[in-house]
Amino acid sequence: MKKIGMNICKIFLTYKKKNIEKKLLMKKTRLEYNRMILEKLKEYLENNPNIRFGQALCNLNIIKYSLDNDSYNNKVIDPFFEESSETYKELYT
């Protein structure tokens, strides 16, 4: 009986270790997200060669702006504190 209990414990610990490793592999770093954003930007600019760079940043939702009634008073929302993962998730939205 003791041997069965130890085997179950060993199986559980192996499963838990693999699960933790899988979660760690799924979590991307800020640098990885930055590279993914750059890749999307590159693809977009290659597919739309007549788009200006700043326009592409706005079209991809990398740069956002607040809309006022007067279109000349729209203000850019500073993305300084936004994590790269959030920026990536909001591309094209």
N, C-alpha and C. Protein backbone atom coordinates (compact mmCIF):
# COMPACT_ATOMS: atom_id res chain seq x y z
N MET A 1 0.82 -1.20 0.00
CA MET A 1 0.00 0.00 0.00
C MET A 1 0.86 1.26 0.00
N LYS A 2 1.96 1.19 0.77
CA LYS A 2 2.84 2.33 0.86
C LYS A 2 3.45 2.65 -0.50
N LYS A 3 3.78 1.60 -1.28
CA LYS A 3 4.38 1.77 -2.59
C LYS A 3 3.40 2.44 -3.55
N ILE A 4 2.13 2.08 -3.48
CA ILE A 4 1.10 2.68 -4.34
C ILE A 4 0.96 4.16 -4.03
N GLY A 5 0.94 4.49 -2.76
CA GLY A 5 0.85 5.89 -2.33
C GLY A 5 2.03 6.70 -2.84
N MET A 6 3.22 6.12 -2.79
CA MET A 6 4.40 6.82 -3.27
C MET A 6 4.35 7.02 -4.78
N ASN A 7 3.84 6.02 -5.50
CA ASN A 7 3.71 6.14 -6.95
C ASN A 7 2.72 7.23 -7.33
N ILE A 8 1.61 7.28 -6.61
CA ILE A 8 0.61 8.32 -6.87
C ILE A 8 1.22 9.69 -6.60
N CYS A 9 1.96 9.81 -5.53
CA CYS A 9 2.60 11.07 -5.17
C CYS A 9 3.62 11.46 -6.26
N LYS A 10 4.39 10.49 -6.74
CA LYS A 10 5.38 10.74 -7.78
C LYS A 10 4.70 11.19 -9.08
N ILE A 11 3.60 10.54 -9.45
CA ILE A 11 2.85 10.92 -10.65
C ILE A 11 2.32 12.34 -10.50
N PHE A 12 1.77 12.66 -9.33
CA PHE A 12 1.22 14.00 -9.09
C PHE A 12 2.32 15.06 -9.20
N LEU A 13 3.47 14.79 -8.58
CA LEU A 13 4.57 15.77 -8.62
C LEU A 13 5.11 15.94 -10.04
N THR A 14 5.18 14.86 -10.81
CA THR A 14 5.62 14.95 -12.20
C THR A 14 4.63 15.78 -13.00
N TYR A 15 3.32 15.53 -12.80
CA TYR A 15 2.29 16.31 -13.50
C TYR A 15 2.39 17.79 -13.13
N LYS A 16 2.55 18.06 -11.83
CA LYS A 16 2.62 19.44 -11.36
C LYS A 16 3.84 20.14 -11.96
N LYS A 17 4.97 19.47 -12.01
CA LYS A 17 6.20 20.04 -12.56
C LYS A 17 6.01 20.36 -14.05
N LYS A 18 5.43 19.43 -14.80
CA LYS A 18 5.21 19.66 -16.24
C LYS A 18 4.23 20.81 -16.45
N ASN A 19 3.22 20.89 -15.60
CA ASN A 19 2.24 21.98 -15.70
C ASN A 19 2.89 23.33 -15.45
N ILE A 20 3.75 23.39 -14.45
CA ILE A 20 4.46 24.63 -14.13
C ILE A 20 5.39 25.01 -15.28
N GLU A 21 6.11 24.02 -15.81
CA GLU A 21 7.01 24.29 -16.94
C GLU A 21 6.23 24.79 -18.15
N LYS A 22 5.06 24.21 -18.39
CA LYS A 22 4.23 24.63 -19.51
C LYS A 22 3.78 26.08 -19.33
N LYS A 23 3.37 26.45 -18.12
CA LYS A 23 2.95 27.83 -17.85
C LYS A 23 4.11 28.80 -18.04
N LEU A 24 5.29 28.40 -17.60
CA LEU A 24 6.46 29.26 -17.76
C LEU A 24 6.80 29.45 -19.23
N LEU A 25 6.64 28.39 -20.02
CA LEU A 25 6.91 28.50 -21.45
C LEU A 25 5.89 29.38 -22.15
N MET A 26 4.66 29.40 -21.66
CA MET A 26 3.60 30.18 -22.28
C MET A 26 3.75 31.67 -22.00
N LYS A 27 4.38 32.02 -20.89
CA LYS A 27 4.53 33.41 -20.52
C LYS A 27 5.64 34.03 -21.35
N LYS A 28 5.30 35.08 -22.08
CA LYS A 28 6.27 35.76 -22.93
C LYS A 28 6.89 36.93 -22.18
N THR A 29 8.09 37.27 -22.56
CA THR A 29 8.77 38.39 -21.95
C THR A 29 8.38 39.68 -22.67
N ARG A 30 8.70 40.79 -22.07
CA ARG A 30 8.44 42.09 -22.67
C ARG A 30 9.17 42.20 -24.01
N LEU A 31 10.40 41.71 -24.06
CA LEU A 31 11.18 41.74 -25.30
C LEU A 31 10.50 40.93 -26.40
N GLU A 32 9.97 39.77 -26.05
CA GLU A 32 9.27 38.94 -27.05
C GLU A 32 8.04 39.67 -27.58
N TYR A 33 7.27 40.31 -26.70
CA TYR A 33 6.11 41.08 -27.16
C TYR A 33 6.55 42.24 -28.04
N ASN A 34 7.64 42.92 -27.67
CA ASN A 34 8.13 44.02 -28.50
C ASN A 34 8.50 43.53 -29.89
N ARG A 35 9.14 42.39 -29.97
CA ARG A 35 9.49 41.82 -31.29
C ARG A 35 8.25 41.45 -32.08
N MET A 36 7.24 40.90 -31.41
CA MET A 36 5.99 40.54 -32.10
C MET A 36 5.29 41.78 -32.62
N ILE A 37 5.30 42.86 -31.84
CA ILE A 37 4.70 44.13 -32.28
C ILE A 37 5.45 44.65 -33.50
N LEU A 38 6.77 44.62 -33.46
CA LEU A 38 7.56 45.07 -34.59
C LEU A 38 7.29 44.24 -35.84
N GLU A 39 7.11 42.96 -35.67
CA GLU A 39 6.81 42.08 -36.81
C GLU A 39 5.46 42.44 -37.43
N LYS A 40 4.45 42.69 -36.59
CA LYS A 40 3.13 43.10 -37.10
C LYS A 40 3.22 44.44 -37.82
N LEU A 41 4.00 45.36 -37.25
CA LEU A 41 4.17 46.67 -37.87
C LEU A 41 4.87 46.52 -39.22
N LYS A 42 5.89 45.70 -39.27
CA LYS A 42 6.61 45.45 -40.53
C LYS A 42 5.66 44.88 -41.59
N GLU A 43 4.88 43.87 -41.21
CA GLU A 43 3.91 43.26 -42.14
C GLU A 43 2.93 44.31 -42.66
N TYR A 44 2.42 45.13 -41.74
CA TYR A 44 1.43 46.14 -42.11
C TYR A 44 2.02 47.14 -43.10
N LEU A 45 3.24 47.61 -42.83
CA LEU A 45 3.87 48.59 -43.71
C LEU A 45 4.22 47.98 -45.07
N GLU A 46 4.60 46.73 -45.09
CA GLU A 46 4.88 46.06 -46.37
C GLU A 46 3.62 45.87 -47.19
N ASN A 47 2.50 45.59 -46.52
CA ASN A 47 1.22 45.40 -47.22
C ASN A 47 0.56 46.73 -47.59
N ASN A 48 0.97 47.81 -46.96
CA ASN A 48 0.40 49.15 -47.20
C ASN A 48 1.55 50.15 -47.39
N PRO A 49 2.27 50.08 -48.51
CA PRO A 49 3.47 50.90 -48.69
C PRO A 49 3.21 52.40 -48.76
N ASN A 50 1.98 52.82 -48.99
CA ASN A 50 1.68 54.25 -49.09
C ASN A 50 1.27 54.87 -47.76
N ILE A 51 1.23 54.07 -46.72
CA ILE A 51 0.85 54.56 -45.39
C ILE A 51 2.05 55.25 -44.75
N ARG A 52 1.79 56.37 -44.12
CA ARG A 52 2.84 57.06 -43.35
C ARG A 52 3.08 56.29 -42.04
N PHE A 53 4.29 56.42 -41.50
CA PHE A 53 4.65 55.66 -40.30
C PHE A 53 3.73 55.97 -39.12
N GLY A 54 3.52 57.25 -38.85
CA GLY A 54 2.64 57.65 -37.75
C GLY A 54 1.22 57.17 -37.96
N GLN A 55 0.77 57.20 -39.22
CA GLN A 55 -0.56 56.72 -39.56
C GLN A 55 -0.67 55.22 -39.27
N ALA A 56 0.38 54.48 -39.59
CA ALA A 56 0.39 53.04 -39.33
C ALA A 56 0.30 52.77 -37.83
N LEU A 57 1.02 53.56 -37.03
CA LEU A 57 0.97 53.38 -35.57
C LEU A 57 -0.45 53.60 -35.05
N CYS A 58 -1.14 54.60 -35.60
CA CYS A 58 -2.53 54.86 -35.19
C CYS A 58 -3.46 53.77 -35.70
N ASN A 59 -3.28 53.35 -36.94
CA ASN A 59 -4.16 52.33 -37.53
C ASN A 59 -4.05 51.00 -36.79
N LEU A 60 -2.89 50.71 -36.26
CA LEU A 60 -2.68 49.45 -35.53
C LEU A 60 -3.00 49.58 -34.05
N ASN A 61 -3.45 50.75 -33.62
CA ASN A 61 -3.77 51.02 -32.20
C ASN A 61 -2.54 50.98 -31.30
N ILE A 62 -1.37 51.22 -31.86
CA ILE A 62 -0.18 51.33 -31.04
C ILE A 62 -0.19 52.70 -30.37
N ILE A 63 -0.55 53.71 -31.15
CA ILE A 63 -0.75 55.06 -30.64
C ILE A 63 -2.25 55.33 -30.66
N LYS A 64 -2.78 55.78 -29.55
CA LYS A 64 -4.21 56.08 -29.45
C LYS A 64 -4.37 57.57 -29.20
N TYR A 65 -5.54 58.08 -29.50
CA TYR A 65 -5.80 59.49 -29.25
C TYR A 65 -7.22 59.68 -28.80
N SER A 66 -7.43 60.72 -28.02
CA SER A 66 -8.77 61.03 -27.52
C SER A 66 -9.47 61.86 -28.59
N LEU A 67 -10.73 61.60 -28.78
CA LEU A 67 -11.50 62.32 -29.79
C LEU A 67 -12.28 63.45 -29.15
N ASP A 68 -12.03 64.65 -29.62
CA ASP A 68 -12.80 65.82 -29.21
C ASP A 68 -13.78 66.16 -30.33
N ASN A 69 -14.70 67.02 -30.04
CA ASN A 69 -15.62 67.47 -31.09
C ASN A 69 -14.87 68.18 -32.21
N ASP A 70 -13.83 68.88 -31.85
CA ASP A 70 -13.01 69.59 -32.81
C ASP A 70 -11.83 68.69 -33.18
N SER A 71 -11.79 68.20 -34.42
CA SER A 71 -10.77 67.23 -34.81
C SER A 71 -9.35 67.79 -34.71
N TYR A 72 -9.18 69.10 -34.66
CA TYR A 72 -7.85 69.68 -34.54
C TYR A 72 -7.35 69.66 -33.10
N ASN A 73 -8.20 69.34 -32.16
CA ASN A 73 -7.80 69.31 -30.75
C ASN A 73 -7.67 67.90 -30.19
N ASN A 74 -7.64 66.90 -31.07
CA ASN A 74 -7.44 65.52 -30.59
C ASN A 74 -6.08 65.41 -29.93
N LYS A 75 -6.02 64.68 -28.83
CA LYS A 75 -4.78 64.55 -28.08
C LYS A 75 -4.31 63.10 -28.11
N VAL A 76 -3.00 62.94 -28.27
CA VAL A 76 -2.41 61.61 -28.23
C VAL A 76 -2.39 61.13 -26.79
N ILE A 77 -2.81 59.88 -26.60
CA ILE A 77 -2.76 59.27 -25.27
C ILE A 77 -1.40 58.61 -25.12
N ASP A 78 -0.66 59.03 -24.12
CA ASP A 78 0.71 58.56 -23.91
C ASP A 78 0.70 57.09 -23.49
N PRO A 79 1.30 56.19 -24.28
CA PRO A 79 1.32 54.76 -23.93
C PRO A 79 2.54 54.37 -23.09
N PHE A 80 3.19 55.34 -22.47
CA PHE A 80 4.44 55.13 -21.74
C PHE A 80 4.34 54.00 -20.71
N PHE A 81 3.25 53.93 -19.98
CA PHE A 81 3.12 52.95 -18.90
C PHE A 81 2.39 51.67 -19.34
N GLU A 82 1.98 51.59 -20.60
CA GLU A 82 1.27 50.41 -21.08
C GLU A 82 2.28 49.28 -21.34
N GLU A 83 1.99 48.11 -20.80
CA GLU A 83 2.85 46.96 -21.03
C GLU A 83 2.79 46.52 -22.49
N SER A 84 3.87 45.99 -22.99
CA SER A 84 3.94 45.54 -24.37
C SER A 84 2.91 44.45 -24.67
N SER A 85 2.62 43.62 -23.68
CA SER A 85 1.62 42.57 -23.87
C SER A 85 0.25 43.18 -24.16
N GLU A 86 -0.08 44.27 -23.47
CA GLU A 86 -1.37 44.95 -23.71
C GLU A 86 -1.39 45.61 -25.09
N THR A 87 -0.28 46.23 -25.45
CA THR A 87 -0.18 46.85 -26.77
C THR A 87 -0.39 45.80 -27.84
N TYR A 88 0.26 44.65 -27.68
CA TYR A 88 0.13 43.58 -28.67
C TYR A 88 -1.31 43.08 -28.76
N LYS A 89 -1.97 42.92 -27.62
CA LYS A 89 -3.36 42.42 -27.61
C LYS A 89 -4.30 43.40 -28.30
N GLU A 90 -3.97 44.67 -28.27
CA GLU A 90 -4.85 45.69 -28.84
C GLU A 90 -4.56 46.01 -30.30
N LEU A 91 -3.59 45.35 -30.90
CA LEU A 91 -3.32 45.58 -32.32
C LEU A 91 -4.56 45.25 -33.14
N TYR A 92 -4.89 46.09 -34.06
CA TYR A 92 -6.02 45.93 -34.98
C TYR A 92 -7.39 46.04 -34.32
N THR A 93 -7.48 46.37 -33.03
CA THR A 93 -8.81 46.42 -32.40
C THR A 93 -9.39 47.81 -32.46
